[in-house]
Amino acid sequence: MKIQVKFSKEEAEAFKNFCMIKPPELEDEIFYKQIFLAGCNSMTKEITALVEAHRQAQEAEGTEAQTETAEAQDVSTEE
């Protein structure tokens, strides 16, 4: 697969500067692939954390709703 990225002038300059740290024994293609995969892994971790936080919030909301329903039923049976 081939991926082409379009950078702004500033982004292109930043990427060019970043590539100066590439180890000389590493081929350009492998270096670019590693950068891409590191970015994918980072985004995957971030998305996973967001999904987990949302799931926990939904569970807490569901537990809270169940508690409120149970309390309302207790009040109505006491009357």
PDB file of N, CA and C in Angstrom:
ATOM      1  N   MET A   1       0.853  -1.159   0.000  1.00  0.00           N
ATOM      2  CA  MET A   1       0.000   0.000   0.000  1.00  0.00           C
ATOM      3  C   MET A   1       0.906   1.230   0.000  1.00  0.00           C
ATOM      4  N   LYS A   2       0.484   2.233  -0.679  1.00  0.00           N
ATOM      5  CA  LYS A   2       1.225   3.481  -0.732  1.00  0.00           C
ATOM      6  C   LYS A   2       0.317   4.585  -0.195  1.00  0.00           C
ATOM      7  N   ILE A   3       0.877   5.394   0.711  1.00  0.00           N
ATOM      8  CA  ILE A   3       0.124   6.498   1.297  1.00  0.00           C
ATOM      9  C   ILE A   3       0.852   7.785   0.973  1.00  0.00           C
ATOM     10  N   GLN A   4       0.099   8.760   0.525  1.00  0.00           N
ATOM     11  CA  GLN A   4       0.668  10.063   0.207  1.00  0.00           C
ATOM     12  C   GLN A   4       0.071  11.089   1.159  1.00  0.00           C
ATOM     13  N   VAL A   5       0.938  11.902   1.749  1.00  0.00           N
ATOM     14  CA  VAL A   5       0.493  12.910   2.718  1.00  0.00           C
ATOM     15  C   VAL A   5       0.812  14.289   2.161  1.00  0.00           C
ATOM     16  N   LYS A   6      -0.160  15.171   2.226  1.00  0.00           N
ATOM     17  CA  LYS A   6       0.034  16.535   1.757  1.00  0.00           C
ATOM     18  C   LYS A   6       0.241  17.436   2.967  1.00  0.00           C
ATOM     19  N   PHE A   7       1.411  18.085   3.046  1.00  0.00           N
ATOM     20  CA  PHE A   7       1.737  18.971   4.152  1.00  0.00           C
ATOM     21  C   PHE A   7       1.627  20.417   3.713  1.00  0.00           C
ATOM     22  N   SER A   8       1.323  21.270   4.686  1.00  0.00           N
ATOM     23  CA  SER A   8       1.434  22.709   4.445  1.00  0.00           C
ATOM     24  C   SER A   8       2.927  23.035   4.401  1.00  0.00           C
ATOM     25  N   LYS A   9       3.255  24.251   4.039  1.00  0.00           N
ATOM     26  CA  LYS A   9       4.659  24.654   3.966  1.00  0.00           C
ATOM     27  C   LYS A   9       5.334  24.486   5.334  1.00  0.00           C
ATOM     28  N   GLU A  10       4.648  24.911   6.397  1.00  0.00           N
ATOM     29  CA  GLU A  10       5.193  24.805   7.746  1.00  0.00           C
ATOM     30  C   GLU A  10       5.340  23.356   8.180  1.00  0.00           C
ATOM     31  N   GLU A  11       4.329  22.545   7.887  1.00  0.00           N
ATOM     32  CA  GLU A  11       4.389  21.131   8.242  1.00  0.00           C
ATOM     33  C   GLU A  11       5.519  20.424   7.498  1.00  0.00           C
ATOM     34  N   ALA A  12       5.687  20.756   6.228  1.00  0.00           N
ATOM     35  CA  ALA A  12       6.759  20.149   5.440  1.00  0.00           C
ATOM     36  C   ALA A  12       8.123  20.496   6.019  1.00  0.00           C
ATOM     37  N   GLU A  13       8.288  21.740   6.422  1.00  0.00           N
ATOM     38  CA  GLU A  13       9.549  22.167   7.029  1.00  0.00           C
ATOM     39  C   GLU A  13       9.783  21.437   8.350  1.00  0.00           C
ATOM     40  N   ALA A  14       8.737  21.310   9.162  1.00  0.00           N
ATOM     41  CA  ALA A  14       8.846  20.602  10.442  1.00  0.00           C
ATOM     42  C   ALA A  14       9.202  19.140  10.224  1.00  0.00           C
ATOM     43  N   PHE A  15       8.577  18.510   9.232  1.00  0.00           N
ATOM     44  CA  PHE A  15       8.858  17.100   8.949  1.00  0.00           C
ATOM     45  C   PHE A  15      10.288  16.935   8.452  1.00  0.00           C
ATOM     46  N   LYS A  16      10.720  17.841   7.620  1.00  0.00           N
ATOM     47  CA  LYS A  16      12.092  17.809   7.104  1.00  0.00           C
ATOM     48  C   LYS A  16      13.085  17.903   8.267  1.00  0.00           C
ATOM     49  N   ASN A  17      12.822  18.808   9.196  1.00  0.00           N
ATOM     50  CA  ASN A  17      13.681  18.948  10.369  1.00  0.00           C
ATOM     51  C   ASN A  17      13.643  17.699  11.252  1.00  0.00           C
ATOM     52  N   PHE A  18      12.464  17.127  11.406  1.00  0.00           N
ATOM     53  CA  PHE A  18      12.321  15.909  12.201  1.00  0.00           C
ATOM     54  C   PHE A  18      13.119  14.762  11.591  1.00  0.00           C
ATOM     55  N   CYS A  19      13.113  14.673  10.284  1.00  0.00           N
ATOM     56  CA  CYS A  19      13.805  13.573   9.597  1.00  0.00           C
ATOM     57  C   CYS A  19      15.322  13.659   9.742  1.00  0.00           C
ATOM     58  N   MET A  20      15.824  14.780  10.212  1.00  0.00           N
ATOM     59  CA  MET A  20      17.269  14.911  10.424  1.00  0.00           C
ATOM     60  C   MET A  20      17.762  13.995  11.540  1.00  0.00           C
ATOM     61  N   ILE A  21      16.860  13.548  12.409  1.00  0.00           N
ATOM     62  CA  ILE A  21      17.262  12.673  13.508  1.00  0.00           C
ATOM     63  C   ILE A  21      17.267  11.197  13.105  1.00  0.00           C
ATOM     64  N   LYS A  22      16.907  10.910  11.871  1.00  0.00           N
ATOM     65  CA  LYS A  22      16.856   9.527  11.390  1.00  0.00           C
ATOM     66  C   LYS A  22      18.252   8.914  11.475  1.00  0.00           C
ATOM     67  N   PRO A  23      18.335   7.719  12.069  1.00  0.00           N
ATOM     68  CA  PRO A  23      19.634   7.036  12.093  1.00  0.00           C
ATOM     69  C   PRO A  23      20.117   6.771  10.662  1.00  0.00           C
ATOM     70  N   PRO A  24      21.368   7.022  10.369  1.00  0.00           N
ATOM     71  CA  PRO A  24      21.863   6.887   8.994  1.00  0.00           C
ATOM     72  C   PRO A  24      21.763   5.467   8.445  1.00  0.00           C
ATOM     73  N   GLU A  25      21.802   4.469   9.326  1.00  0.00           N
ATOM     74  CA  GLU A  25      21.733   3.077   8.849  1.00  0.00           C
ATOM     75  C   GLU A  25      20.311   2.645   8.504  1.00  0.00           C
ATOM     76  N   LEU A  26      19.333   3.458   8.835  1.00  0.00           N
ATOM     77  CA  LEU A  26      17.929   3.134   8.579  1.00  0.00           C
ATOM     78  C   LEU A  26      17.497   3.721   7.241  1.00  0.00           C
ATOM     79  N   GLU A  27      16.911   2.879   6.411  1.00  0.00           N
ATOM     80  CA  GLU A  27      16.426   3.351   5.112  1.00  0.00           C
ATOM     81  C   GLU A  27      15.266   4.319   5.312  1.00  0.00           C
ATOM     82  N   ASP A  28      15.144   5.286   4.398  1.00  0.00           N
ATOM     83  CA  ASP A  28      14.067   6.279   4.485  1.00  0.00           C
ATOM     84  C   ASP A  28      12.698   5.615   4.573  1.00  0.00           C
ATOM     85  N   GLU A  29      12.445   4.661   3.706  1.00  0.00           N
ATOM     86  CA  GLU A  29      11.126   4.006   3.650  1.00  0.00           C
ATOM     87  C   GLU A  29      10.779   3.344   4.983  1.00  0.00           C
ATOM     88  N   ILE A  30      11.724   2.690   5.598  1.00  0.00           N
ATOM     89  CA  ILE A  30      11.490   2.024   6.889  1.00  0.00           C
ATOM     90  C   ILE A  30      11.252   3.080   7.978  1.00  0.00           C
ATOM     91  N   PHE A  31      12.019   4.168   7.938  1.00  0.00           N
ATOM     92  CA  PHE A  31      11.847   5.247   8.907  1.00  0.00           C
ATOM     93  C   PHE A  31      10.450   5.840   8.805  1.00  0.00           C
ATOM     94  N   TYR A  32       9.984   6.123   7.604  1.00  0.00           N
ATOM     95  CA  TYR A  32       8.646   6.686   7.411  1.00  0.00           C
ATOM     96  C   TYR A  32       7.572   5.711   7.873  1.00  0.00           C
ATOM     97  N   LYS A  33       7.782   4.446   7.600  1.00  0.00           N
ATOM     98  CA  LYS A  33       6.813   3.419   8.017  1.00  0.00           C
ATOM     99  C   LYS A  33       6.731   3.364   9.541  1.00  0.00           C
ATOM    100  N   GLN A  34       7.874   3.435  10.208  1.00  0.00           N
ATOM    101  CA  GLN A  34       7.879   3.398  11.666  1.00  0.00           C
ATOM    102  C   GLN A  34       7.171   4.617  12.261  1.00  0.00           C
ATOM    103  N   ILE A  35       7.390   5.776  11.665  1.00  0.00           N
ATOM    104  CA  ILE A  35       6.702   6.985  12.121  1.00  0.00           C
ATOM    105  C   ILE A  35       5.187   6.813  11.979  1.00  0.00           C
ATOM    106  N   PHE A  36       4.758   6.323  10.820  1.00  0.00           N
ATOM    107  CA  PHE A  36       3.327   6.128  10.558  1.00  0.00           C
ATOM    108  C   PHE A  36       2.718   5.146  11.552  1.00  0.00           C
ATOM    109  N   LEU A  37       3.388   4.003  11.751  1.00  0.00           N
ATOM    110  CA  LEU A  37       2.851   2.981  12.648  1.00  0.00           C
ATOM    111  C   LEU A  37       2.842   3.446  14.099  1.00  0.00           C
ATOM    112  N   ALA A  38       3.846   4.215  14.497  1.00  0.00           N
ATOM    113  CA  ALA A  38       3.858   4.763  15.857  1.00  0.00           C
ATOM    114  C   ALA A  38       2.663   5.699  16.048  1.00  0.00           C
ATOM    115  N   GLY A  39       2.364   6.499  15.035  1.00  0.00           N
ATOM    116  CA  GLY A  39       1.199   7.380  15.101  1.00  0.00           C
ATOM    117  C   GLY A  39      -0.101   6.599  15.184  1.00  0.00           C
ATOM    118  N   CYS A  40      -0.207   5.539  14.403  1.00  0.00           N
ATOM    119  CA  CYS A  40      -1.412   4.692  14.444  1.00  0.00           C
ATOM    120  C   CYS A  40      -1.577   4.062  15.824  1.00  0.00           C
ATOM    121  N   ASN A  41      -0.482   3.549  16.383  1.00  0.00           N
ATOM    122  CA  ASN A  41      -0.543   2.931  17.710  1.00  0.00           C
ATOM    123  C   ASN A  41      -0.945   3.947  18.765  1.00  0.00           C
ATOM    124  N   SER A  42      -0.409   5.141  18.682  1.00  0.00           N
ATOM    125  CA  SER A  42      -0.739   6.188  19.638  1.00  0.00           C
ATOM    126  C   SER A  42      -2.216   6.558  19.556  1.00  0.00           C
ATOM    127  N   MET A  43      -2.718   6.709  18.347  1.00  0.00           N
ATOM    128  CA  MET A  43      -4.139   7.059  18.174  1.00  0.00           C
ATOM    129  C   MET A  43      -5.038   5.918  18.636  1.00  0.00           C
ATOM    130  N   THR A  44      -4.635   4.682  18.398  1.00  0.00           N
ATOM    131  CA  THR A  44      -5.420   3.530  18.836  1.00  0.00           C
ATOM    132  C   THR A  44      -5.532   3.517  20.359  1.00  0.00           C
ATOM    133  N   LYS A  45      -4.422   3.780  21.048  1.00  0.00           N
ATOM    134  CA  LYS A  45      -4.447   3.832  22.514  1.00  0.00           C
ATOM    135  C   LYS A  45      -5.363   4.951  22.997  1.00  0.00           C
ATOM    136  N   GLU A  46      -5.282   6.107  22.355  1.00  0.00           N
ATOM    137  CA  GLU A  46      -6.106   7.250  22.751  1.00  0.00           C
ATOM    138  C   GLU A  46      -7.592   6.946  22.539  1.00  0.00           C
ATOM    139  N   ILE A  47      -7.926   6.372  21.409  1.00  0.00           N
ATOM    140  CA  ILE A  47      -9.329   6.045  21.116  1.00  0.00           C
ATOM    141  C   ILE A  47      -9.835   4.980  22.081  1.00  0.00           C
ATOM    142  N   THR A  48      -9.000   3.972  22.370  1.00  0.00           N
ATOM    143  CA  THR A  48      -9.380   2.925  23.316  1.00  0.00           C
ATOM    144  C   THR A  48      -9.667   3.517  24.695  1.00  0.00           C
ATOM    145  N   ALA A  49      -8.830   4.449  25.132  1.00  0.00           N
ATOM    146  CA  ALA A  49      -9.041   5.097  26.433  1.00  0.00           C
ATOM    147  C   ALA A  49     -10.342   5.898  26.434  1.00  0.00           C
ATOM    148  N   LEU A  50     -10.634   6.592  25.344  1.00  0.00           N
ATOM    149  CA  LEU A  50     -11.875   7.364  25.260  1.00  0.00           C
ATOM    150  C   LEU A  50     -13.101   6.456  25.273  1.00  0.00           C
ATOM    151  N   VAL A  51     -13.020   5.342  24.559  1.00  0.00           N
ATOM    152  CA  VAL A  51     -14.140   4.391  24.533  1.00  0.00           C
ATOM    153  C   VAL A  51     -14.354   3.805  25.925  1.00  0.00           C
ATOM    154  N   GLU A  52     -13.274   3.449  26.608  1.00  0.00           N
ATOM    155  CA  GLU A  52     -13.379   2.892  27.954  1.00  0.00           C
ATOM    156  C   GLU A  52     -13.974   3.917  28.923  1.00  0.00           C
ATOM    157  N   ALA A  53     -13.544   5.161  28.834  1.00  0.00           N
ATOM    158  CA  ALA A  53     -14.096   6.212  29.694  1.00  0.00           C
ATOM    159  C   ALA A  53     -15.590   6.403  29.423  1.00  0.00           C
ATOM    160  N   HIS A  54     -15.974   6.346  28.159  1.00  0.00           N
ATOM    161  CA  HIS A  54     -17.395   6.493  27.805  1.00  0.00           C
ATOM    162  C   HIS A  54     -18.199   5.311  28.351  1.00  0.00           C
ATOM    163  N   ARG A  55     -17.639   4.116  28.229  1.00  0.00           N
ATOM    164  CA  ARG A  55     -18.318   2.919  28.734  1.00  0.00           C
ATOM    165  C   ARG A  55     -18.524   3.021  30.243  1.00  0.00           C
ATOM    166  N   GLN A  56     -17.489   3.445  30.954  1.00  0.00           N
ATOM    167  CA  GLN A  56     -17.602   3.590  32.406  1.00  0.00           C
ATOM    168  C   GLN A  56     -18.625   4.661  32.785  1.00  0.00           C
ATOM    169  N   ALA A  57     -18.658   5.747  32.032  1.00  0.00           N
ATOM    170  CA  ALA A  57     -19.646   6.798  32.290  1.00  0.00           C
ATOM    171  C   ALA A  57     -21.057   6.271  32.061  1.00  0.00           C
ATOM    172  N   GLN A  58     -21.235   5.487  31.014  1.00  0.00           N
ATOM    173  CA  GLN A  58     -22.554   4.914  30.731  1.00  0.00           C
ATOM    174  C   GLN A  58     -22.969   3.948  31.832  1.00  0.00           C
ATOM    175  N   GLU A  59     -22.018   3.131  32.307  1.00  0.00           N
ATOM    176  CA  GLU A  59     -22.331   2.196  33.392  1.00  0.00           C
ATOM    177  C   GLU A  59     -22.706   2.951  34.662  1.00  0.00           C
ATOM    178  N   ALA A  60     -21.968   4.007  34.979  1.00  0.00           N
ATOM    179  CA  ALA A  60     -22.261   4.809  36.169  1.00  0.00           C
ATOM    180  C   ALA A  60     -23.629   5.465  36.043  1.00  0.00           C
ATOM    181  N   GLU A  61     -23.924   5.951  34.841  1.00  0.00           N
ATOM    182  CA  GLU A  61     -25.224   6.580  34.609  1.00  0.00           C
ATOM    183  C   GLU A  61     -26.348   5.569  34.757  1.00  0.00           C
ATOM    184  N   GLY A  62     -26.129   4.350  34.251  1.00  0.00           N
ATOM    185  CA  GLY A  62     -27.129   3.292  34.373  1.00  0.00           C
ATOM    186  C   GLY A  62     -27.339   2.876  35.814  1.00  0.00           C
ATOM    187  N   THR A  63     -26.266   2.779  36.574  1.00  0.00           N
ATOM    188  CA  THR A  63     -26.353   2.430  37.994  1.00  0.00           C
ATOM    189  C   THR A  63     -27.089   3.516  38.755  1.00  0.00           C
ATOM    190  N   GLU A  64     -26.796   4.765  38.435  1.00  0.00           N
ATOM    191  CA  GLU A  64     -27.457   5.896  39.083  1.00  0.00           C
ATOM    192  C   GLU A  64     -28.955   5.881  38.778  1.00  0.00           C
ATOM    193  N   ALA A  65     -29.309   5.596  37.542  1.00  0.00           N
ATOM    194  CA  ALA A  65     -30.722   5.553  37.150  1.00  0.00           C
ATOM    195  C   ALA A  65     -31.443   4.416  37.864  1.00  0.00           C
ATOM    196  N   GLN A  66     -30.778   3.275  38.006  1.00  0.00           N
ATOM    197  CA  GLN A  66     -31.390   2.140  38.703  1.00  0.00           C
ATOM    198  C   GLN A  66     -31.616   2.476  40.180  1.00  0.00           C
ATOM    199  N   THR A  67     -30.657   3.163  40.784  1.00  0.00           N
ATOM    200  CA  THR A  67     -30.784   3.565  42.188  1.00  0.00           C
ATOM    201  C   THR A  67     -31.949   4.520  42.358  1.00  0.00           C
ATOM    202  N   GLU A  68     -32.068   5.492  41.462  1.00  0.00           N
ATOM    203  CA  GLU A  68     -33.170   6.454  41.544  1.00  0.00           C
ATOM    204  C   GLU A  68     -34.512   5.752  41.367  1.00  0.00           C
ATOM    205  N   THR A  69     -34.587   4.784  40.457  1.00  0.00           N
ATOM    206  CA  THR A  69     -35.824   4.042  40.228  1.00  0.00           C
ATOM    207  C   THR A  69     -36.184   3.227  41.463  1.00  0.00           C
ATOM    208  N   ALA A  70     -35.183   2.580  42.064  1.00  0.00           N
ATOM    209  CA  ALA A  70     -35.431   1.776  43.263  1.00  0.00           C
ATOM    210  C   ALA A  70     -35.893   2.656  44.417  1.00  0.00           C
ATOM    211  N   GLU A  71     -35.278   3.825  44.568  1.00  0.00           N
ATOM    212  CA  GLU A  71     -35.685   4.750  45.631  1.00  0.00           C
ATOM    213  C   GLU A  71     -37.112   5.241  45.403  1.00  0.00           C
ATOM    214  N   ALA A  72     -37.454   5.515  44.165  1.00  0.00           N
ATOM    215  CA  ALA A  72     -38.805   5.979  43.849  1.00  0.00           C
ATOM    216  C   ALA A  72     -39.824   4.883  44.151  1.00  0.00           C
ATOM    217  N   GLN A  73     -39.472   3.643  43.853  1.00  0.00           N
ATOM    218  CA  GLN A  73     -40.381   2.526  44.130  1.00  0.00           C
ATOM    219  C   GLN A  73     -40.539   2.328  45.640  1.00  0.00           C
ATOM    220  N   ASP A  74     -39.446   2.502  46.393  1.00  0.00           N
ATOM    221  CA  ASP A  74     -39.512   2.380  47.846  1.00  0.00           C
ATOM    222  C   ASP A  74     -40.441   3.427  48.428  1.00  0.00           C
ATOM    223  N   VAL A  75     -40.360   4.640  47.939  1.00  0.00           N
ATOM    224  CA  VAL A  75     -41.200   5.736  48.418  1.00  0.00           C
ATOM    225  C   VAL A  75     -42.662   5.441  48.102  1.00  0.00           C
ATOM    226  N   SER A  76     -42.957   4.934  46.915  1.00  0.00           N
ATOM    227  CA  SER A  76     -44.335   4.690  46.534  1.00  0.00           C
ATOM    228  C   SER A  76     -44.920   3.501  47.298  1.00  0.00           C
ATOM    229  N   THR A  77     -44.117   2.516  47.675  1.00  0.00           N
ATOM    230  CA  THR A  77     -44.648   1.371  48.435  1.00  0.00           C
ATOM    231  C   THR A  77     -44.851   1.724  49.901  1.00  0.00           C
ATOM    232  N   GLU A  78     -44.086   2.707  50.399  1.00  0.00           N
ATOM    233  CA  GLU A  78     -44.239   3.135  51.775  1.00  0.00           C
ATOM    234  C   GLU A  78     -45.532   3.932  51.979  1.00  0.00           C
ATOM    235  N   GLU A  79     -45.992   4.567  50.934  1.00  0.00           N
ATOM    236  CA  GLU A  79     -47.198   5.403  51.044  1.00  0.00           C
ATOM    237  C   GLU A  79     -48.394   4.565  51.030  1.00  0.00           C
TER     238      GLU A  79
END
